[in-house]
PDB file of N, CA and C in Angstrom:
ATOM      1  N   UNK A   1     -16.106  -5.589 -47.486  1.00  0.00           N
ATOM      2  CA  UNK A   1     -16.794  -6.529 -46.641  1.00  0.00           C
ATOM      3  C   UNK A   1     -15.859  -7.579 -46.040  1.00  0.00           C
ATOM      4  N   UNK A   2     -14.817  -8.007 -46.781  1.00  0.00           N
ATOM      5  CA  UNK A   2     -13.904  -8.985 -46.169  1.00  0.00           C
ATOM      6  C   UNK A   2     -13.216  -8.430 -44.921  1.00  0.00           C
ATOM      7  N   UNK A   3     -12.978  -7.116 -44.866  1.00  0.00           N
ATOM      8  CA  UNK A   3     -12.358  -6.524 -43.694  1.00  0.00           C
ATOM      9  C   UNK A   3     -13.277  -6.653 -42.470  1.00  0.00           C
ATOM     10  N   UNK A   4     -14.549  -6.461 -42.656  1.00  0.00           N
ATOM     11  CA  UNK A   4     -15.515  -6.581 -41.564  1.00  0.00           C
ATOM     12  C   UNK A   4     -15.546  -8.013 -41.048  1.00  0.00           C
ATOM     13  N   UNK A   5     -15.519  -8.977 -41.943  1.00  0.00           N
ATOM     14  CA  UNK A   5     -15.508 -10.390 -41.539  1.00  0.00           C
ATOM     15  C   UNK A   5     -14.226 -10.728 -40.784  1.00  0.00           C
ATOM     16  N   UNK A   6     -13.109 -10.188 -41.270  1.00  0.00           N
ATOM     17  CA  UNK A   6     -11.825 -10.435 -40.604  1.00  0.00           C
ATOM     18  C   UNK A   6     -11.835  -9.848 -39.185  1.00  0.00           C
ATOM     19  N   UNK A   7     -12.296  -8.609 -39.033  1.00  0.00           N
ATOM     20  CA  UNK A   7     -12.345  -7.979 -37.716  1.00  0.00           C
ATOM     21  C   UNK A   7     -13.301  -8.716 -36.779  1.00  0.00           C
ATOM     22  N   UNK A   8     -14.441  -9.145 -37.320  1.00  0.00           N
ATOM     23  CA  UNK A   8     -15.397  -9.902 -36.511  1.00  0.00           C
ATOM     24  C   UNK A   8     -14.760 -11.205 -36.016  1.00  0.00           C
ATOM     25  N   UNK A   9     -14.077 -11.897 -36.906  1.00  0.00           N
ATOM     26  CA  UNK A   9     -13.430 -13.156 -36.529  1.00  0.00           C
ATOM     27  C   UNK A   9     -12.313 -12.916 -35.511  1.00  0.00           C
ATOM     28  N   UNK A  10     -11.577 -11.840 -35.681  1.00  0.00           N
ATOM     29  CA  UNK A  10     -10.492 -11.533 -34.752  1.00  0.00           C
ATOM     30  C   UNK A  10     -11.041 -11.206 -33.364  1.00  0.00           C
ATOM     31  N   UNK A  11     -12.115 -10.436 -33.300  1.00  0.00           N
ATOM     32  CA  UNK A  11     -12.716 -10.088 -32.020  1.00  0.00           C
ATOM     33  C   UNK A  11     -13.302 -11.325 -31.349  1.00  0.00           C
ATOM     34  N   UNK A  12     -13.971 -12.153 -32.107  1.00  0.00           N
ATOM     35  CA  UNK A  12     -14.545 -13.386 -31.551  1.00  0.00           C
ATOM     36  C   UNK A  12     -13.451 -14.300 -31.009  1.00  0.00           C
ATOM     37  N   UNK A  13     -12.356 -14.425 -31.740  1.00  0.00           N
ATOM     38  CA  UNK A  13     -11.247 -15.282 -31.290  1.00  0.00           C
ATOM     39  C   UNK A  13     -10.650 -14.742 -29.993  1.00  0.00           C
ATOM     40  N   UNK A  14     -10.535 -13.424 -29.901  1.00  0.00           N
ATOM     41  CA  UNK A  14      -9.968 -12.823 -28.685  1.00  0.00           C
ATOM     42  C   UNK A  14     -10.901 -13.012 -27.490  1.00  0.00           C
ATOM     43  N   UNK A  15     -12.192 -12.896 -27.708  1.00  0.00           N
ATOM     44  CA  UNK A  15     -13.163 -13.107 -26.624  1.00  0.00           C
ATOM     45  C   UNK A  15     -13.100 -14.549 -26.125  1.00  0.00           C
ATOM     46  N   UNK A  16     -13.018 -15.485 -27.037  1.00  0.00           N
ATOM     47  CA  UNK A  16     -12.914 -16.898 -26.644  1.00  0.00           C
ATOM     48  C   UNK A  16     -11.622 -17.130 -25.869  1.00  0.00           C
ATOM     49  N   UNK A  17     -10.533 -16.525 -26.314  1.00  0.00           N
ATOM     50  CA  UNK A  17      -9.250 -16.683 -25.634  1.00  0.00           C
ATOM     51  C   UNK A  17      -9.309 -16.106 -24.216  1.00  0.00           C
ATOM     52  N   UNK A  18      -9.940 -14.961 -24.052  1.00  0.00           N
ATOM     53  CA  UNK A  18     -10.050 -14.353 -22.726  1.00  0.00           C
ATOM     54  C   UNK A  18     -10.934 -15.167 -21.798  1.00  0.00           C
ATOM     55  N   UNK A  19     -11.970 -15.763 -22.324  1.00  0.00           N
ATOM     56  CA  UNK A  19     -12.855 -16.569 -21.484  1.00  0.00           C
ATOM     57  C   UNK A  19     -12.211 -17.879 -21.050  1.00  0.00           C
ATOM     58  N   UNK A  20     -11.402 -18.486 -21.903  1.00  0.00           N
ATOM     59  CA  UNK A  20     -10.785 -19.760 -21.556  1.00  0.00           C
ATOM     60  C   UNK A  20      -9.509 -19.579 -20.750  1.00  0.00           C
ATOM     61  N   UNK A  21      -8.906 -18.430 -20.820  1.00  0.00           N
ATOM     62  CA  UNK A  21      -7.673 -18.173 -20.096  1.00  0.00           C
ATOM     63  C   UNK A  21      -8.018 -17.795 -18.659  1.00  0.00           C
ATOM     64  N   UNK A  22      -7.659 -18.652 -17.706  1.00  0.00           N
ATOM     65  CA  UNK A  22      -8.085 -18.422 -16.322  1.00  0.00           C
ATOM     66  C   UNK A  22      -7.028 -17.707 -15.486  1.00  0.00           C
ATOM     67  N   UNK A  23      -5.811 -17.612 -15.959  1.00  0.00           N
ATOM     68  CA  UNK A  23      -4.752 -16.975 -15.184  1.00  0.00           C
ATOM     69  C   UNK A  23      -4.825 -15.468 -15.382  1.00  0.00           C
ATOM     70  N   UNK A  24      -5.438 -14.788 -14.424  1.00  0.00           N
ATOM     71  CA  UNK A  24      -5.607 -13.340 -14.521  1.00  0.00           C
ATOM     72  C   UNK A  24      -4.795 -12.603 -13.466  1.00  0.00           C
ATOM     73  N   UNK A  25      -3.922 -13.274 -12.755  1.00  0.00           N
ATOM     74  CA  UNK A  25      -3.128 -12.613 -11.726  1.00  0.00           C
ATOM     75  C   UNK A  25      -3.696 -12.855 -10.344  1.00  0.00           C
ATOM     76  N   UNK A  26      -3.065 -12.228  -9.379  1.00  0.00           N
ATOM     77  CA  UNK A  26      -3.471 -12.391  -7.987  1.00  0.00           C
ATOM     78  C   UNK A  26      -4.718 -11.572  -7.674  1.00  0.00           C
ATOM     79  N   UNK A  27      -5.374 -11.997  -6.644  1.00  0.00           N
ATOM     80  CA  UNK A  27      -6.527 -11.267  -6.138  1.00  0.00           C
ATOM     81  C   UNK A  27      -6.025 -10.017  -5.409  1.00  0.00           C
ATOM     82  N   UNK A  28      -6.793  -8.945  -5.391  1.00  0.00           N
ATOM     83  CA  UNK A  28      -6.345  -7.743  -4.682  1.00  0.00           C
ATOM     84  C   UNK A  28      -6.399  -7.869  -3.155  1.00  0.00           C
ATOM     85  N   UNK A  29      -7.070  -8.910  -2.658  1.00  0.00           N
ATOM     86  CA  UNK A  29      -7.203  -9.063  -1.205  1.00  0.00           C
ATOM     87  C   UNK A  29      -5.850  -9.306  -0.534  1.00  0.00           C
ATOM     88  N   UNK A  30      -5.005 -10.234  -1.014  1.00  0.00           N
ATOM     89  CA  UNK A  30      -3.700 -10.401  -0.354  1.00  0.00           C
ATOM     90  C   UNK A  30      -2.852  -9.125  -0.414  1.00  0.00           C
ATOM     91  N   UNK A  31      -2.952  -8.389  -1.495  1.00  0.00           N
ATOM     92  CA  UNK A  31      -2.203  -7.146  -1.602  1.00  0.00           C
ATOM     93  C   UNK A  31      -2.689  -6.147  -0.556  1.00  0.00           C
ATOM     94  N   UNK A  32      -3.994  -6.049  -0.362  1.00  0.00           N
ATOM     95  CA  UNK A  32      -4.539  -5.137   0.639  1.00  0.00           C
ATOM     96  C   UNK A  32      -4.116  -5.554   2.045  1.00  0.00           C
ATOM     97  N   UNK A  33      -4.064  -6.855   2.303  1.00  0.00           N
ATOM     98  CA  UNK A  33      -3.633  -7.338   3.618  1.00  0.00           C
ATOM     99  C   UNK A  33      -2.174  -6.997   3.858  1.00  0.00           C
ATOM    100  N   UNK A  34      -1.337  -7.158   2.846  1.00  0.00           N
ATOM    101  CA  UNK A  34       0.084  -6.825   2.973  1.00  0.00           C
ATOM    102  C   UNK A  34       0.252  -5.330   3.243  1.00  0.00           C
ATOM    103  N   UNK A  35      -0.483  -4.497   2.521  1.00  0.00           N
ATOM    104  CA  UNK A  35      -0.376  -3.047   2.712  1.00  0.00           C
ATOM    105  C   UNK A  35      -0.842  -2.661   4.117  1.00  0.00           C
ATOM    106  N   UNK A  36      -1.920  -3.269   4.594  1.00  0.00           N
ATOM    107  CA  UNK A  36      -2.395  -2.982   5.946  1.00  0.00           C
ATOM    108  C   UNK A  36      -1.357  -3.406   6.984  1.00  0.00           C
ATOM    109  N   UNK A  37      -0.737  -4.549   6.775  1.00  0.00           N
ATOM    110  CA  UNK A  37       0.310  -5.002   7.691  1.00  0.00           C
ATOM    111  C   UNK A  37       1.500  -4.065   7.710  1.00  0.00           C
ATOM    112  N   UNK A  38       1.900  -3.577   6.541  1.00  0.00           N
ATOM    113  CA  UNK A  38       3.007  -2.621   6.479  1.00  0.00           C
ATOM    114  C   UNK A  38       2.647  -1.313   7.186  1.00  0.00           C
ATOM    115  N   UNK A  39       1.405  -0.883   7.063  1.00  0.00           N
ATOM    116  CA  UNK A  39       0.971   0.342   7.742  1.00  0.00           C
ATOM    117  C   UNK A  39       1.001   0.163   9.256  1.00  0.00           C
ATOM    118  N   UNK A  40       0.572  -0.995   9.736  1.00  0.00           N
ATOM    119  CA  UNK A  40       0.604  -1.268  11.179  1.00  0.00           C
ATOM    120  C   UNK A  40       2.042  -1.300  11.677  1.00  0.00           C
ATOM    121  N   UNK A  41       2.925  -1.925  10.922  1.00  0.00           N
ATOM    122  CA  UNK A  41       4.340  -1.962  11.323  1.00  0.00           C
ATOM    123  C   UNK A  41       4.938  -0.557  11.339  1.00  0.00           C
ATOM    124  N   UNK A  42       4.584   0.273  10.348  1.00  0.00           N
ATOM    125  CA  UNK A  42       5.102   1.642  10.310  1.00  0.00           C
ATOM    126  C   UNK A  42       4.620   2.442  11.508  1.00  0.00           C
ATOM    127  N   UNK A  43       3.349   2.285  11.878  1.00  0.00           N
ATOM    128  CA  UNK A  43       2.831   2.992  13.050  1.00  0.00           C
ATOM    129  C   UNK A  43       3.492   2.508  14.343  1.00  0.00           C
ATOM    130  N   UNK A  44       3.791   1.222  14.416  1.00  0.00           N
ATOM    131  CA  UNK A  44       4.475   0.681  15.585  1.00  0.00           C
ATOM    132  C   UNK A  44       5.874   1.269  15.711  1.00  0.00           C
ATOM    133  N   UNK A  45       6.589   1.321  14.602  1.00  0.00           N
ATOM    134  CA  UNK A  45       7.939   1.897  14.612  1.00  0.00           C
ATOM    135  C   UNK A  45       7.881   3.382  14.959  1.00  0.00           C
ATOM    136  N   UNK A  46       6.898   4.094  14.411  1.00  0.00           N
ATOM    137  CA  UNK A  46       6.740   5.504  14.726  1.00  0.00           C
ATOM    138  C   UNK A  46       6.449   5.715  16.207  1.00  0.00           C
ATOM    139  N   UNK A  47       5.599   4.881  16.776  1.00  0.00           N
ATOM    140  CA  UNK A  47       5.300   4.979  18.205  1.00  0.00           C
ATOM    141  C   UNK A  47       6.517   4.695  19.063  1.00  0.00           C
ATOM    142  N   UNK A  48       7.305   3.700  18.678  1.00  0.00           N
ATOM    143  CA  UNK A  48       8.517   3.381  19.433  1.00  0.00           C
ATOM    144  C   UNK A  48       9.529   4.524  19.353  1.00  0.00           C
ATOM    145  N   UNK A  49       9.654   5.134  18.191  1.00  0.00           N
ATOM    146  CA  UNK A  49      10.574   6.261  18.036  1.00  0.00           C
ATOM    147  C   UNK A  49      10.101   7.452  18.862  1.00  0.00           C
ATOM    148  N   UNK A  50       8.799   7.718  18.872  1.00  0.00           N
ATOM    149  CA  UNK A  50       8.266   8.830  19.668  1.00  0.00           C
ATOM    150  C   UNK A  50       8.490   8.581  21.158  1.00  0.00           C
ATOM    151  N   UNK A  51       8.311   7.344  21.595  1.00  0.00           N
ATOM    152  CA  UNK A  51       8.543   7.013  23.002  1.00  0.00           C
ATOM    153  C   UNK A  51      10.016   7.181  23.370  1.00  0.00           C
ATOM    154  N   UNK A  52      10.900   6.812  22.466  1.00  0.00           N
ATOM    155  CA  UNK A  52      12.329   6.971  22.725  1.00  0.00           C
ATOM    156  C   UNK A  52      12.704   8.447  22.823  1.00  0.00           C
ATOM    157  N   UNK A  53      12.134   9.255  21.958  1.00  0.00           N
ATOM    158  CA  UNK A  53      12.422  10.694  22.000  1.00  0.00           C
ATOM    159  C   UNK A  53      11.893  11.298  23.291  1.00  0.00           C
ATOM    160  N   UNK A  54      10.693  10.895  23.707  1.00  0.00           N
ATOM    161  CA  UNK A  54      10.148  11.399  24.976  1.00  0.00           C
ATOM    162  C   UNK A  54      11.021  10.975  26.159  1.00  0.00           C
ATOM    163  N   UNK A  55      11.559   9.761  26.098  1.00  0.00           N
ATOM    164  CA  UNK A  55      12.438   9.280  27.164  1.00  0.00           C
ATOM    165  C   UNK A  55      13.733  10.079  27.229  1.00  0.00           C
ATOM    166  N   UNK A  56      14.310  10.385  26.073  1.00  0.00           N
ATOM    167  CA  UNK A  56      15.531  11.197  26.058  1.00  0.00           C
ATOM    168  C   UNK A  56      15.245  12.621  26.506  1.00  0.00           C
ATOM    169  N   UNK A  57      14.070  13.130  26.138  1.00  0.00           N
ATOM    170  CA  UNK A  57      13.692  14.482  26.528  1.00  0.00           C
ATOM    171  C   UNK A  57      13.559  14.571  28.046  1.00  0.00           C
ATOM    172  N   UNK A  58      13.076  13.537  28.675  1.00  0.00           N
ATOM    173  CA  UNK A  58      12.913  13.545  30.125  1.00  0.00           C
ATOM    174  C   UNK A  58      14.262  13.557  30.837  1.00  0.00           C
ATOM    175  N   UNK A  59      15.320  13.103  30.188  1.00  0.00           N
ATOM    176  CA  UNK A  59      16.651  13.074  30.810  1.00  0.00           C
ATOM    177  C   UNK A  59      17.338  14.437  30.783  1.00  0.00           C
ATOM    178  N   UNK A  60      16.867  15.378  29.983  1.00  0.00           N
ATOM    179  CA  UNK A  60      17.491  16.697  29.863  1.00  0.00           C
ATOM    180  C   UNK A  60      16.993  17.571  31.019  1.00  0.00           C
ATOM    181  N   UNK A  61      17.897  18.111  31.819  1.00  0.00           N
ATOM    182  CA  UNK A  61      17.460  18.953  32.930  1.00  0.00           C
ATOM    183  C   UNK A  61      16.824  20.256  32.419  1.00  0.00           C
ATOM    184  N   UNK A  62      15.677  20.579  32.950  1.00  0.00           N
ATOM    185  CA  UNK A  62      14.998  21.808  32.584  1.00  0.00           C
ATOM    186  C   UNK A  62      14.344  21.781  31.224  1.00  0.00           C
ATOM    187  N   UNK A  63      14.142  20.615  30.652  1.00  0.00           N
ATOM    188  CA  UNK A  63      13.572  20.520  29.315  1.00  0.00           C
ATOM    189  C   UNK A  63      12.096  20.904  29.308  1.00  0.00           C
ATOM    190  N   UNK A  64      11.431  20.771  30.415  1.00  0.00           N
ATOM    191  CA  UNK A  64      10.000  21.089  30.471  1.00  0.00           C
ATOM    192  C   UNK A  64       9.713  22.563  30.697  1.00  0.00           C
ATOM    193  N   UNK A  65      10.737  23.336  31.085  1.00  0.00           N
ATOM    194  CA  UNK A  65      10.484  24.751  31.376  1.00  0.00           C
ATOM    195  C   UNK A  65      10.818  25.599  30.152  1.00  0.00           C
ATOM    196  N   UNK A  66      10.175  26.736  30.056  1.00  0.00           N
ATOM    197  CA  UNK A  66      10.393  27.657  28.960  1.00  0.00           C
ATOM    198  C   UNK A  66      11.367  28.736  29.421  1.00  0.00           C
ATOM    199  N   UNK A  67      12.572  28.806  28.845  1.00  0.00           N
ATOM    200  CA  UNK A  67      13.553  29.802  29.303  1.00  0.00           C
ATOM    201  C   UNK A  67      13.110  31.235  29.018  1.00  0.00           C
ATOM    202  N   UNK A  68      12.247  31.447  28.073  1.00  0.00           N
ATOM    203  CA  UNK A  68      11.812  32.806  27.747  1.00  0.00           C
ATOM    204  C   UNK A  68      10.866  33.369  28.811  1.00  0.00           C
ATOM    205  N   UNK A  69      10.232  32.488  29.596  1.00  0.00           N
ATOM    206  CA  UNK A  69       9.275  32.965  30.590  1.00  0.00           C
ATOM    207  C   UNK A  69       9.947  33.347  31.909  1.00  0.00           C
ATOM    208  N   UNK A  70      11.220  33.143  32.036  1.00  0.00           N
ATOM    209  CA  UNK A  70      11.930  33.464  33.298  1.00  0.00           C
ATOM    210  C   UNK A  70      12.368  34.896  33.333  1.00  0.00           C
TER     211      UNK A  70
END
């Protein structure tokens, strides 16, 4: 029976400690905003790279024609 009392007291003490301890870390909202911002930046960089490749492709003579069809 003393073991049951000890475990009960230990659990009660831990519950009180968790309720009074207010520092639980950051909210997930700022993390989600940061991740969304990184995704937007990645898409912007991807779009800029695709535009650059299309621009270089336009400079190659005959790049739009298929040599196999001639």
